[in-house]
Amino acid sequence: MRRCSTADLRQLEIINLCDGTRLGYATDFEFDCEDARILALVIHGTCGFFGFGREEDLVIPWHKIECIGEDTILVKLSQQELSCYACDRKKHRKFHFS
């Protein structure tokens, strides 16, 4: 069994196998607190011109990861899935604290 930390995962570039696109680096993670599992990798959207405007975050479900290598994380996402997984996380939070 190979182990790695979230810090290790943040160092790996994420590549889409469908078209070879470099998607970026994981900047955040979504966890299932009850089962202690990682649910998704999050790539924060880049800032626009002079820091104004910001692209949407890309939330990649864990089951879309094909391989975690020494240098990269390979994912398989169609263009339609890329559009579906892009979101403004501030508006679409999936968890609530009580």
PDB file of N, CA and C in Angstrom:
ATOM      1  N   MET A   1       0.853  -1.185   0.000  1.00  0.00           N
ATOM      2  CA  MET A   1       0.000   0.000   0.000  1.00  0.00           C
ATOM      3  C   MET A   1       0.895   1.243   0.000  1.00  0.00           C
ATOM      4  N   ARG A   2       0.610   2.141  -0.912  1.00  0.00           N
ATOM      5  CA  ARG A   2       1.348   3.397  -0.991  1.00  0.00           C
ATOM      6  C   ARG A   2       0.559   4.465  -0.245  1.00  0.00           C
ATOM      7  N   ARG A   3       1.241   5.232   0.584  1.00  0.00           N
ATOM      8  CA  ARG A   3       0.597   6.304   1.343  1.00  0.00           C
ATOM      9  C   ARG A   3       1.143   7.649   0.890  1.00  0.00           C
ATOM     10  N   CYS A   4       0.288   8.660   0.976  1.00  0.00           N
ATOM     11  CA  CYS A   4       0.741  10.025   0.710  1.00  0.00           C
ATOM     12  C   CYS A   4      -0.148  10.979   1.500  1.00  0.00           C
ATOM     13  N   SER A   5       0.354  12.158   1.725  1.00  0.00           N
ATOM     14  CA  SER A   5      -0.389  13.169   2.476  1.00  0.00           C
ATOM     15  C   SER A   5      -1.051  14.141   1.510  1.00  0.00           C
ATOM     16  N   THR A   6      -1.944  14.970   2.028  1.00  0.00           N
ATOM     17  CA  THR A   6      -2.552  15.997   1.183  1.00  0.00           C
ATOM     18  C   THR A   6      -1.489  16.976   0.704  1.00  0.00           C
ATOM     19  N   ALA A   7      -0.464  17.196   1.505  1.00  0.00           N
ATOM     20  CA  ALA A   7       0.648  18.062   1.075  1.00  0.00           C
ATOM     21  C   ALA A   7       1.350  17.453  -0.135  1.00  0.00           C
ATOM     22  N   ASP A   8       1.522  16.119  -0.131  1.00  0.00           N
ATOM     23  CA  ASP A   8       2.116  15.441  -1.284  1.00  0.00           C
ATOM     24  C   ASP A   8       1.234  15.595  -2.522  1.00  0.00           C
ATOM     25  N   LEU A   9      -0.078  15.430  -2.351  1.00  0.00           N
ATOM     26  CA  LEU A   9      -1.002  15.538  -3.478  1.00  0.00           C
ATOM     27  C   LEU A   9      -1.002  16.938  -4.077  1.00  0.00           C
ATOM     28  N   ARG A  10      -0.807  17.950  -3.251  1.00  0.00           N
ATOM     29  CA  ARG A  10      -0.786  19.339  -3.745  1.00  0.00           C
ATOM     30  C   ARG A  10       0.404  19.614  -4.654  1.00  0.00           C
ATOM     31  N   GLN A  11       1.440  18.797  -4.572  1.00  0.00           N
ATOM     32  CA  GLN A  11       2.647  18.987  -5.381  1.00  0.00           C
ATOM     33  C   GLN A  11       2.521  18.365  -6.773  1.00  0.00           C
ATOM     34  N   LEU A  12       1.465  17.571  -7.013  1.00  0.00           N
ATOM     35  CA  LEU A  12       1.317  16.841  -8.259  1.00  0.00           C
ATOM     36  C   LEU A  12       0.407  17.584  -9.224  1.00  0.00           C
ATOM     37  N   GLU A  13       0.885  17.764 -10.464  1.00  0.00           N
ATOM     38  CA  GLU A  13       0.069  18.419 -11.480  1.00  0.00           C
ATOM     39  C   GLU A  13      -1.034  17.458 -11.929  1.00  0.00           C
ATOM     40  N   ILE A  14      -2.226  18.006 -12.161  1.00  0.00           N
ATOM     41  CA  ILE A  14      -3.370  17.194 -12.575  1.00  0.00           C
ATOM     42  C   ILE A  14      -3.531  17.333 -14.089  1.00  0.00           C
ATOM     43  N   ILE A  15      -3.528  16.178 -14.778  1.00  0.00           N
ATOM     44  CA  ILE A  15      -3.616  16.127 -16.234  1.00  0.00           C
ATOM     45  C   ILE A  15      -4.876  15.362 -16.624  1.00  0.00           C
ATOM     46  N   ASN A  16      -5.603  15.893 -17.618  1.00  0.00           N
ATOM     47  CA  ASN A  16      -6.792  15.223 -18.136  1.00  0.00           C
ATOM     48  C   ASN A  16      -6.381  14.277 -19.264  1.00  0.00           C
ATOM     49  N   LEU A  17      -6.652  12.994 -19.099  1.00  0.00           N
ATOM     50  CA  LEU A  17      -6.292  11.992 -20.096  1.00  0.00           C
ATOM     51  C   LEU A  17      -7.082  12.131 -21.398  1.00  0.00           C
ATOM     52  N   CYS A  18      -8.275  12.700 -21.346  1.00  0.00           N
ATOM     53  CA  CYS A  18      -9.114  12.805 -22.547  1.00  0.00           C
ATOM     54  C   CYS A  18      -8.499  13.703 -23.614  1.00  0.00           C
ATOM     55  N   ASP A  19      -7.872  14.801 -23.193  1.00  0.00           N
ATOM     56  CA  ASP A  19      -7.310  15.726 -24.183  1.00  0.00           C
ATOM     57  C   ASP A  19      -5.901  16.216 -23.843  1.00  0.00           C
ATOM     58  N   GLY A  20      -5.320  15.698 -22.778  1.00  0.00           N
ATOM     59  CA  GLY A  20      -3.955  16.084 -22.409  1.00  0.00           C
ATOM     60  C   GLY A  20      -3.839  17.444 -21.739  1.00  0.00           C
ATOM     61  N   THR A  21      -4.954  18.058 -21.394  1.00  0.00           N
ATOM     62  CA  THR A  21      -4.960  19.382 -20.784  1.00  0.00           C
ATOM     63  C   THR A  21      -4.359  19.347 -19.387  1.00  0.00           C
ATOM     64  N   ARG A  22      -3.521  20.344 -19.102  1.00  0.00           N
ATOM     65  CA  ARG A  22      -3.016  20.541 -17.741  1.00  0.00           C
ATOM     66  C   ARG A  22      -4.065  21.332 -16.983  1.00  0.00           C
ATOM     67  N   LEU A  23      -4.653  20.709 -15.975  1.00  0.00           N
ATOM     68  CA  LEU A  23      -5.733  21.358 -15.242  1.00  0.00           C
ATOM     69  C   LEU A  23      -5.235  22.202 -14.080  1.00  0.00           C
ATOM     70  N   GLY A  24      -4.058  21.900 -13.563  1.00  0.00           N
ATOM     71  CA  GLY A  24      -3.506  22.658 -12.442  1.00  0.00           C
ATOM     72  C   GLY A  24      -3.101  21.743 -11.311  1.00  0.00           C
ATOM     73  N   TYR A  25      -3.131  22.297 -10.116  1.00  0.00           N
ATOM     74  CA  TYR A  25      -2.729  21.579  -8.911  1.00  0.00           C
ATOM     75  C   TYR A  25      -3.868  21.610  -7.900  1.00  0.00           C
ATOM     76  N   ALA A  26      -4.016  20.536  -7.143  1.00  0.00           N
ATOM     77  CA  ALA A  26      -5.040  20.498  -6.097  1.00  0.00           C
ATOM     78  C   ALA A  26      -4.701  21.543  -5.040  1.00  0.00           C
ATOM     79  N   THR A  27      -5.650  22.391  -4.747  1.00  0.00           N
ATOM     80  CA  THR A  27      -5.445  23.416  -3.732  1.00  0.00           C
ATOM     81  C   THR A  27      -6.297  23.169  -2.493  1.00  0.00           C
ATOM     82  N   ASP A  28      -7.268  22.273  -2.647  1.00  0.00           N
ATOM     83  CA  ASP A  28      -8.162  21.962  -1.540  1.00  0.00           C
ATOM     84  C   ASP A  28      -8.728  20.568  -1.761  1.00  0.00           C
ATOM     85  N   PHE A  29      -9.394  20.054  -0.751  1.00  0.00           N
ATOM     86  CA  PHE A  29      -9.972  18.719  -0.810  1.00  0.00           C
ATOM     87  C   PHE A  29     -11.337  18.744  -0.142  1.00  0.00           C
ATOM     88  N   GLU A  30     -12.249  17.911  -0.632  1.00  0.00           N
ATOM     89  CA  GLU A  30     -13.526  17.723   0.049  1.00  0.00           C
ATOM     90  C   GLU A  30     -13.478  16.358   0.715  1.00  0.00           C
ATOM     91  N   PHE A  31     -13.881  16.319   1.989  1.00  0.00           N
ATOM     92  CA  PHE A  31     -13.837  15.104   2.789  1.00  0.00           C
ATOM     93  C   PHE A  31     -15.236  14.698   3.235  1.00  0.00           C
ATOM     94  N   ASP A  32     -15.435  13.404   3.397  1.00  0.00           N
ATOM     95  CA  ASP A  32     -16.615  12.871   4.069  1.00  0.00           C
ATOM     96  C   ASP A  32     -16.197  12.682   5.518  1.00  0.00           C
ATOM     97  N   CYS A  33     -16.698  13.517   6.383  1.00  0.00           N
ATOM     98  CA  CYS A  33     -16.275  13.493   7.791  1.00  0.00           C
ATOM     99  C   CYS A  33     -16.749  12.244   8.526  1.00  0.00           C
ATOM    100  N   GLU A  34     -17.849  11.653   8.096  1.00  0.00           N
ATOM    101  CA  GLU A  34     -18.355  10.455   8.764  1.00  0.00           C
ATOM    102  C   GLU A  34     -17.536   9.218   8.415  1.00  0.00           C
ATOM    103  N   ASP A  35     -17.135   9.097   7.148  1.00  0.00           N
ATOM    104  CA  ASP A  35     -16.377   7.929   6.704  1.00  0.00           C
ATOM    105  C   ASP A  35     -14.876   8.179   6.609  1.00  0.00           C
ATOM    106  N   ALA A  36     -14.447   9.407   6.854  1.00  0.00           N
ATOM    107  CA  ALA A  36     -13.030   9.786   6.779  1.00  0.00           C
ATOM    108  C   ALA A  36     -12.431   9.434   5.423  1.00  0.00           C
ATOM    109  N   ARG A  37     -13.112   9.886   4.355  1.00  0.00           N
ATOM    110  CA  ARG A  37     -12.641   9.635   2.993  1.00  0.00           C
ATOM    111  C   ARG A  37     -12.530  10.946   2.239  1.00  0.00           C
ATOM    112  N   ILE A  38     -11.567  10.996   1.307  1.00  0.00           N
ATOM    113  CA  ILE A  38     -11.498  12.137   0.397  1.00  0.00           C
ATOM    114  C   ILE A  38     -12.549  11.919  -0.683  1.00  0.00           C
ATOM    115  N   LEU A  39     -13.390  12.912  -0.915  1.00  0.00           N
ATOM    116  CA  LEU A  39     -14.435  12.827  -1.930  1.00  0.00           C
ATOM    117  C   LEU A  39     -14.016  13.462  -3.245  1.00  0.00           C
ATOM    118  N   ALA A  40     -13.209  14.541  -3.151  1.00  0.00           N
ATOM    119  CA  ALA A  40     -12.861  15.269  -4.371  1.00  0.00           C
ATOM    120  C   ALA A  40     -11.598  16.098  -4.174  1.00  0.00           C
ATOM    121  N   LEU A  41     -10.922  16.341  -5.296  1.00  0.00           N
ATOM    122  CA  LEU A  41      -9.818  17.301  -5.352  1.00  0.00           C
ATOM    123  C   LEU A  41     -10.397  18.610  -5.859  1.00  0.00           C
ATOM    124  N   VAL A  42      -9.911  19.724  -5.374  1.00  0.00           N
ATOM    125  CA  VAL A  42     -10.391  21.031  -5.809  1.00  0.00           C
ATOM    126  C   VAL A  42      -9.226  21.813  -6.389  1.00  0.00           C
ATOM    127  N   ILE A  43      -9.437  22.346  -7.595  1.00  0.00           N
ATOM    128  CA  ILE A  43      -8.472  23.251  -8.216  1.00  0.00           C
ATOM    129  C   ILE A  43      -9.127  24.627  -8.203  1.00  0.00           C
ATOM    130  N   HIS A  44      -8.533  25.558  -7.479  1.00  0.00           N
ATOM    131  CA  HIS A  44      -9.102  26.903  -7.398  1.00  0.00           C
ATOM    132  C   HIS A  44      -8.992  27.601  -8.745  1.00  0.00           C
ATOM    133  N   GLY A  45     -10.043  28.341  -9.098  1.00  0.00           N
ATOM    134  CA  GLY A  45     -10.043  29.117 -10.330  1.00  0.00           C
ATOM    135  C   GLY A  45      -9.025  30.233 -10.261  1.00  0.00           C
ATOM    136  N   THR A  46      -8.459  30.571 -11.399  1.00  0.00           N
ATOM    137  CA  THR A  46      -7.446  31.626 -11.450  1.00  0.00           C
ATOM    138  C   THR A  46      -8.104  33.000 -11.462  1.00  0.00           C
ATOM    139  N   CYS A  47      -7.371  33.982 -10.977  1.00  0.00           N
ATOM    140  CA  CYS A  47      -7.858  35.357 -10.974  1.00  0.00           C
ATOM    141  C   CYS A  47      -7.710  35.959 -12.361  1.00  0.00           C
ATOM    142  N   GLY A  48      -8.581  36.874 -12.660  1.00  0.00           N
ATOM    143  CA  GLY A  48      -8.555  37.534 -13.955  1.00  0.00           C
ATOM    144  C   GLY A  48      -7.576  38.699 -13.971  1.00  0.00           C
ATOM    145  N   PHE A  49      -7.796  39.620 -14.866  1.00  0.00           N
ATOM    146  CA  PHE A  49      -6.947  40.779 -15.104  1.00  0.00           C
ATOM    147  C   PHE A  49      -6.844  41.645 -13.848  1.00  0.00           C
ATOM    148  N   PHE A  50      -5.640  41.867 -13.365  1.00  0.00           N
ATOM    149  CA  PHE A  50      -5.364  42.656 -12.166  1.00  0.00           C
ATOM    150  C   PHE A  50      -6.122  42.157 -10.939  1.00  0.00           C
ATOM    151  N   GLY A  51      -6.393  40.860 -10.886  1.00  0.00           N
ATOM    152  CA  GLY A  51      -7.051  40.276  -9.723  1.00  0.00           C
ATOM    153  C   GLY A  51      -8.563  40.432  -9.709  1.00  0.00           C
ATOM    154  N   PHE A  52      -9.123  41.056 -10.767  1.00  0.00           N
ATOM    155  CA  PHE A  52     -10.580  41.225 -10.835  1.00  0.00           C
ATOM    156  C   PHE A  52     -11.189  40.036 -11.553  1.00  0.00           C
ATOM    157  N   GLY A  53     -12.311  39.579 -11.038  1.00  0.00           N
ATOM    158  CA  GLY A  53     -12.973  38.411 -11.618  1.00  0.00           C
ATOM    159  C   GLY A  53     -12.176  37.163 -11.275  1.00  0.00           C
ATOM    160  N   ARG A  54     -12.828  36.063 -11.322  1.00  0.00           N
ATOM    161  CA  ARG A  54     -12.161  34.812 -10.982  1.00  0.00           C
ATOM    162  C   ARG A  54     -12.898  33.688 -11.674  1.00  0.00           C
ATOM    163  N   GLU A  55     -12.122  32.794 -12.259  1.00  0.00           N
ATOM    164  CA  GLU A  55     -12.741  31.622 -12.873  1.00  0.00           C
ATOM    165  C   GLU A  55     -13.312  30.724 -11.784  1.00  0.00           C
ATOM    166  N   GLU A  56     -14.227  29.872 -12.176  1.00  0.00           N
ATOM    167  CA  GLU A  56     -14.834  28.962 -11.211  1.00  0.00           C
ATOM    168  C   GLU A  56     -13.840  27.886 -10.792  1.00  0.00           C
ATOM    169  N   ASP A  57     -14.027  27.377  -9.581  1.00  0.00           N
ATOM    170  CA  ASP A  57     -13.211  26.258  -9.110  1.00  0.00           C
ATOM    171  C   ASP A  57     -13.600  25.006  -9.883  1.00  0.00           C
ATOM    172  N   LEU A  58     -12.678  24.076  -9.974  1.00  0.00           N
ATOM    173  CA  LEU A  58     -12.950  22.786 -10.583  1.00  0.00           C
ATOM    174  C   LEU A  58     -12.899  21.735  -9.487  1.00  0.00           C
ATOM    175  N   VAL A  59     -14.011  21.063  -9.255  1.00  0.00           N
ATOM    176  CA  VAL A  59     -14.115  20.040  -8.219  1.00  0.00           C
ATOM    177  C   VAL A  59     -14.135  18.678  -8.917  1.00  0.00           C
ATOM    178  N   ILE A  60     -13.065  17.914  -8.746  1.00  0.00           N
ATOM    179  CA  ILE A  60     -12.917  16.631  -9.436  1.00  0.00           C
ATOM    180  C   ILE A  60     -13.230  15.498  -8.467  1.00  0.00           C
ATOM    181  N   PRO A  61     -14.324  14.772  -8.719  1.00  0.00           N
ATOM    182  CA  PRO A  61     -14.670  13.650  -7.835  1.00  0.00           C
ATOM    183  C   PRO A  61     -13.544  12.608  -7.804  1.00  0.00           C
ATOM    184  N   TRP A  62     -13.352  12.011  -6.655  1.00  0.00           N
ATOM    185  CA  TRP A  62     -12.265  11.044  -6.454  1.00  0.00           C
ATOM    186  C   TRP A  62     -12.356   9.887  -7.439  1.00  0.00           C
ATOM    187  N   HIS A  63     -13.581   9.459  -7.788  1.00  0.00           N
ATOM    188  CA  HIS A  63     -13.727   8.318  -8.696  1.00  0.00           C
ATOM    189  C   HIS A  63     -13.289   8.632 -10.127  1.00  0.00           C
ATOM    190  N   LYS A  64     -13.034   9.901 -10.449  1.00  0.00           N
ATOM    191  CA  LYS A  64     -12.550  10.287 -11.775  1.00  0.00           C
ATOM    192  C   LYS A  64     -11.029  10.219 -11.879  1.00  0.00           C
ATOM    193  N   ILE A  65     -10.346   9.935 -10.774  1.00  0.00           N
ATOM    194  CA  ILE A  65      -8.891   9.801 -10.797  1.00  0.00           C
ATOM    195  C   ILE A  65      -8.548   8.421 -11.347  1.00  0.00           C
ATOM    196  N   GLU A  66      -7.726   8.403 -12.388  1.00  0.00           N
ATOM    197  CA  GLU A  66      -7.297   7.149 -13.002  1.00  0.00           C
ATOM    198  C   GLU A  66      -6.014   6.633 -12.361  1.00  0.00           C
ATOM    199  N   CYS A  67      -5.106   7.555 -12.022  1.00  0.00           N
ATOM    200  CA  CYS A  67      -3.806   7.137 -11.503  1.00  0.00           C
ATOM    201  C   CYS A  67      -3.149   8.295 -10.749  1.00  0.00           C
ATOM    202  N   ILE A  68      -2.523   7.966  -9.628  1.00  0.00           N
ATOM    203  CA  ILE A  68      -1.705   8.941  -8.910  1.00  0.00           C
ATOM    204  C   ILE A  68      -0.266   8.455  -9.044  1.00  0.00           C
ATOM    205  N   GLY A  69       0.514   9.195  -9.811  1.00  0.00           N
ATOM    206  CA  GLY A  69       1.895   8.818 -10.061  1.00  0.00           C
ATOM    207  C   GLY A  69       2.857   9.606  -9.193  1.00  0.00           C
ATOM    208  N   GLU A  70       4.129   9.515  -9.534  1.00  0.00           N
ATOM    209  CA  GLU A  70       5.154  10.239  -8.773  1.00  0.00           C
ATOM    210  C   GLU A  70       5.137  11.733  -9.069  1.00  0.00           C
ATOM    211  N   ASP A  71       4.758  12.106 -10.314  1.00  0.00           N
ATOM    212  CA  ASP A  71       4.795  13.508 -10.735  1.00  0.00           C
ATOM    213  C   ASP A  71       3.430  14.100 -11.057  1.00  0.00           C
ATOM    214  N   THR A  72       2.458  13.253 -11.352  1.00  0.00           N
ATOM    215  CA  THR A  72       1.166  13.753 -11.813  1.00  0.00           C
ATOM    216  C   THR A  72       0.009  12.926 -11.255  1.00  0.00           C
ATOM    217  N   ILE A  73      -1.161  13.544 -11.326  1.00  0.00           N
ATOM    218  CA  ILE A  73      -2.422  12.850 -11.068  1.00  0.00           C
ATOM    219  C   ILE A  73      -3.159  12.847 -12.402  1.00  0.00           C
ATOM    220  N   LEU A  74      -3.513  11.659 -12.881  1.00  0.00           N
ATOM    221  CA  LEU A  74      -4.217  11.538 -14.154  1.00  0.00           C
ATOM    222  C   LEU A  74      -5.703  11.351 -13.891  1.00  0.00           C
ATOM    223  N   VAL A  75      -6.509  12.196 -14.540  1.00  0.00           N
ATOM    224  CA  VAL A  75      -7.965  12.115 -14.414  1.00  0.00           C
ATOM    225  C   VAL A  75      -8.557  11.934 -15.798  1.00  0.00           C
ATOM    226  N   LYS A  76      -9.776  11.450 -15.849  1.00  0.00           N
ATOM    227  CA  LYS A  76     -10.457  11.255 -17.124  1.00  0.00           C
ATOM    228  C   LYS A  76     -11.774  12.009 -17.079  1.00  0.00           C
ATOM    229  N   LEU A  77     -11.800  13.186 -17.733  1.00  0.00           N
ATOM    230  CA  LEU A  77     -12.982  14.052 -17.730  1.00  0.00           C
ATOM    231  C   LEU A  77     -13.305  14.495 -19.149  1.00  0.00           C
ATOM    232  N   SER A  78     -14.533  14.228 -19.604  1.00  0.00           N
ATOM    233  CA  SER A  78     -14.976  14.729 -20.903  1.00  0.00           C
ATOM    234  C   SER A  78     -15.202  16.237 -20.795  1.00  0.00           C
ATOM    235  N   GLN A  79     -15.383  16.896 -21.929  1.00  0.00           N
ATOM    236  CA  GLN A  79     -15.661  18.338 -21.912  1.00  0.00           C
ATOM    237  C   GLN A  79     -16.951  18.633 -21.151  1.00  0.00           C
ATOM    238  N   GLN A  80     -17.944  17.771 -21.310  1.00  0.00           N
ATOM    239  CA  GLN A  80     -19.211  17.956 -20.596  1.00  0.00           C
ATOM    240  C   GLN A  80     -19.001  17.833 -19.088  1.00  0.00           C
ATOM    241  N   GLU A  81     -18.205  16.865 -18.659  1.00  0.00           N
ATOM    242  CA  GLU A  81     -17.940  16.695 -17.232  1.00  0.00           C
ATOM    243  C   GLU A  81     -17.154  17.882 -16.679  1.00  0.00           C
ATOM    244  N   LEU A  82     -16.218  18.407 -17.461  1.00  0.00           N
ATOM    245  CA  LEU A  82     -15.466  19.588 -17.014  1.00  0.00           C
ATOM    246  C   LEU A  82     -16.411  20.740 -16.715  1.00  0.00           C
ATOM    247  N   SER A  83     -17.403  20.930 -17.564  1.00  0.00           N
ATOM    248  CA  SER A  83     -18.387  21.995 -17.348  1.00  0.00           C
ATOM    249  C   SER A  83     -19.236  21.722 -16.108  1.00  0.00           C
ATOM    250  N   CYS A  84     -19.604  20.458 -15.909  1.00  0.00           N
ATOM    251  CA  CYS A  84     -20.445  20.099 -14.763  1.00  0.00           C
ATOM    252  C   CYS A  84     -19.709  20.248 -13.441  1.00  0.00           C
ATOM    253  N   TYR A  85     -18.413  19.948 -13.427  1.00  0.00           N
ATOM    254  CA  TYR A  85     -17.648  19.964 -12.187  1.00  0.00           C
ATOM    255  C   TYR A  85     -17.083  21.340 -11.848  1.00  0.00           C
ATOM    256  N   ALA A  86     -17.238  22.313 -12.751  1.00  0.00           N
ATOM    257  CA  ALA A  86     -16.826  23.679 -12.447  1.00  0.00           C
ATOM    258  C   ALA A  86     -17.917  24.324 -11.607  1.00  0.00           C
ATOM    259  N   CYS A  87     -17.536  24.975 -10.510  1.00  0.00           N
ATOM    260  CA  CYS A  87     -18.556  25.613  -9.678  1.00  0.00           C
ATOM    261  C   CYS A  87     -17.936  26.733  -8.853  1.00  0.00           C
ATOM    262  N   ASP A  88     -18.797  27.624  -8.442  1.00  0.00           N
ATOM    263  CA  ASP A  88     -18.426  28.664  -7.494  1.00  0.00           C
ATOM    264  C   ASP A  88     -18.688  28.082  -6.118  1.00  0.00           C
ATOM    265  N   ARG A  89     -17.649  27.594  -5.455  1.00  0.00           N
ATOM    266  CA  ARG A  89     -17.823  26.861  -4.199  1.00  0.00           C
ATOM    267  C   ARG A  89     -18.424  27.717  -3.098  1.00  0.00           C
ATOM    268  N   LYS A  90     -18.270  29.023  -3.142  1.00  0.00           N
ATOM    269  CA  LYS A  90     -18.865  29.867  -2.106  1.00  0.00           C
ATOM    270  C   LYS A  90     -20.387  29.818  -2.199  1.00  0.00           C
ATOM    271  N   LYS A  91     -20.914  29.655  -3.413  1.00  0.00           N
ATOM    272  CA  LYS A  91     -22.358  29.607  -3.599  1.00  0.00           C
ATOM    273  C   LYS A  91     -22.910  28.198  -3.481  1.00  0.00           C
ATOM    274  N   HIS A  92     -22.070  27.185  -3.702  1.00  0.00           N
ATOM    275  CA  HIS A  92     -22.541  25.803  -3.756  1.00  0.00           C
ATOM    276  C   HIS A  92     -21.877  24.930  -2.713  1.00  0.00           C
ATOM    277  N   ARG A  93     -21.807  25.363  -1.500  1.00  0.00           N
ATOM    278  CA  ARG A  93     -21.235  24.543  -0.432  1.00  0.00           C
ATOM    279  C   ARG A  93     -22.070  23.284  -0.245  1.00  0.00           C
ATOM    280  N   LYS A  94     -21.404  22.145  -0.106  1.00  0.00           N
ATOM    281  CA  LYS A  94     -22.105  20.871   0.050  1.00  0.00           C
ATOM    282  C   LYS A  94     -22.202  20.438   1.482  1.00  0.00           C
ATOM    283  N   PHE A  95     -21.624  21.206   2.386  1.00  0.00           N
ATOM    284  CA  PHE A  95     -21.643  20.791   3.773  1.00  0.00           C
ATOM    285  C   PHE A  95     -22.087  21.955   4.640  1.00  0.00           C
ATOM    286  N   HIS A  96     -22.613  21.624   5.784  1.00  0.00           N
ATOM    287  CA  HIS A  96     -23.083  22.643   6.727  1.00  0.00           C
ATOM    288  C   HIS A  96     -22.565  22.307   8.112  1.00  0.00           C
ATOM    289  N   PHE A  97     -22.175  23.319   8.838  1.00  0.00           N
ATOM    290  CA  PHE A  97     -21.739  23.122  10.219  1.00  0.00           C
ATOM    291  C   PHE A  97     -22.905  23.431  11.131  1.00  0.00           C
ATOM    292  N   SER A  98     -23.130  22.584  12.116  1.00  0.00           N
ATOM    293  CA  SER A  98     -24.224  22.859  13.054  1.00  0.00           C
ATOM    294  C   SER A  98     -23.736  22.857  14.473  1.00  0.00           C
TER     295      SER A  98
END
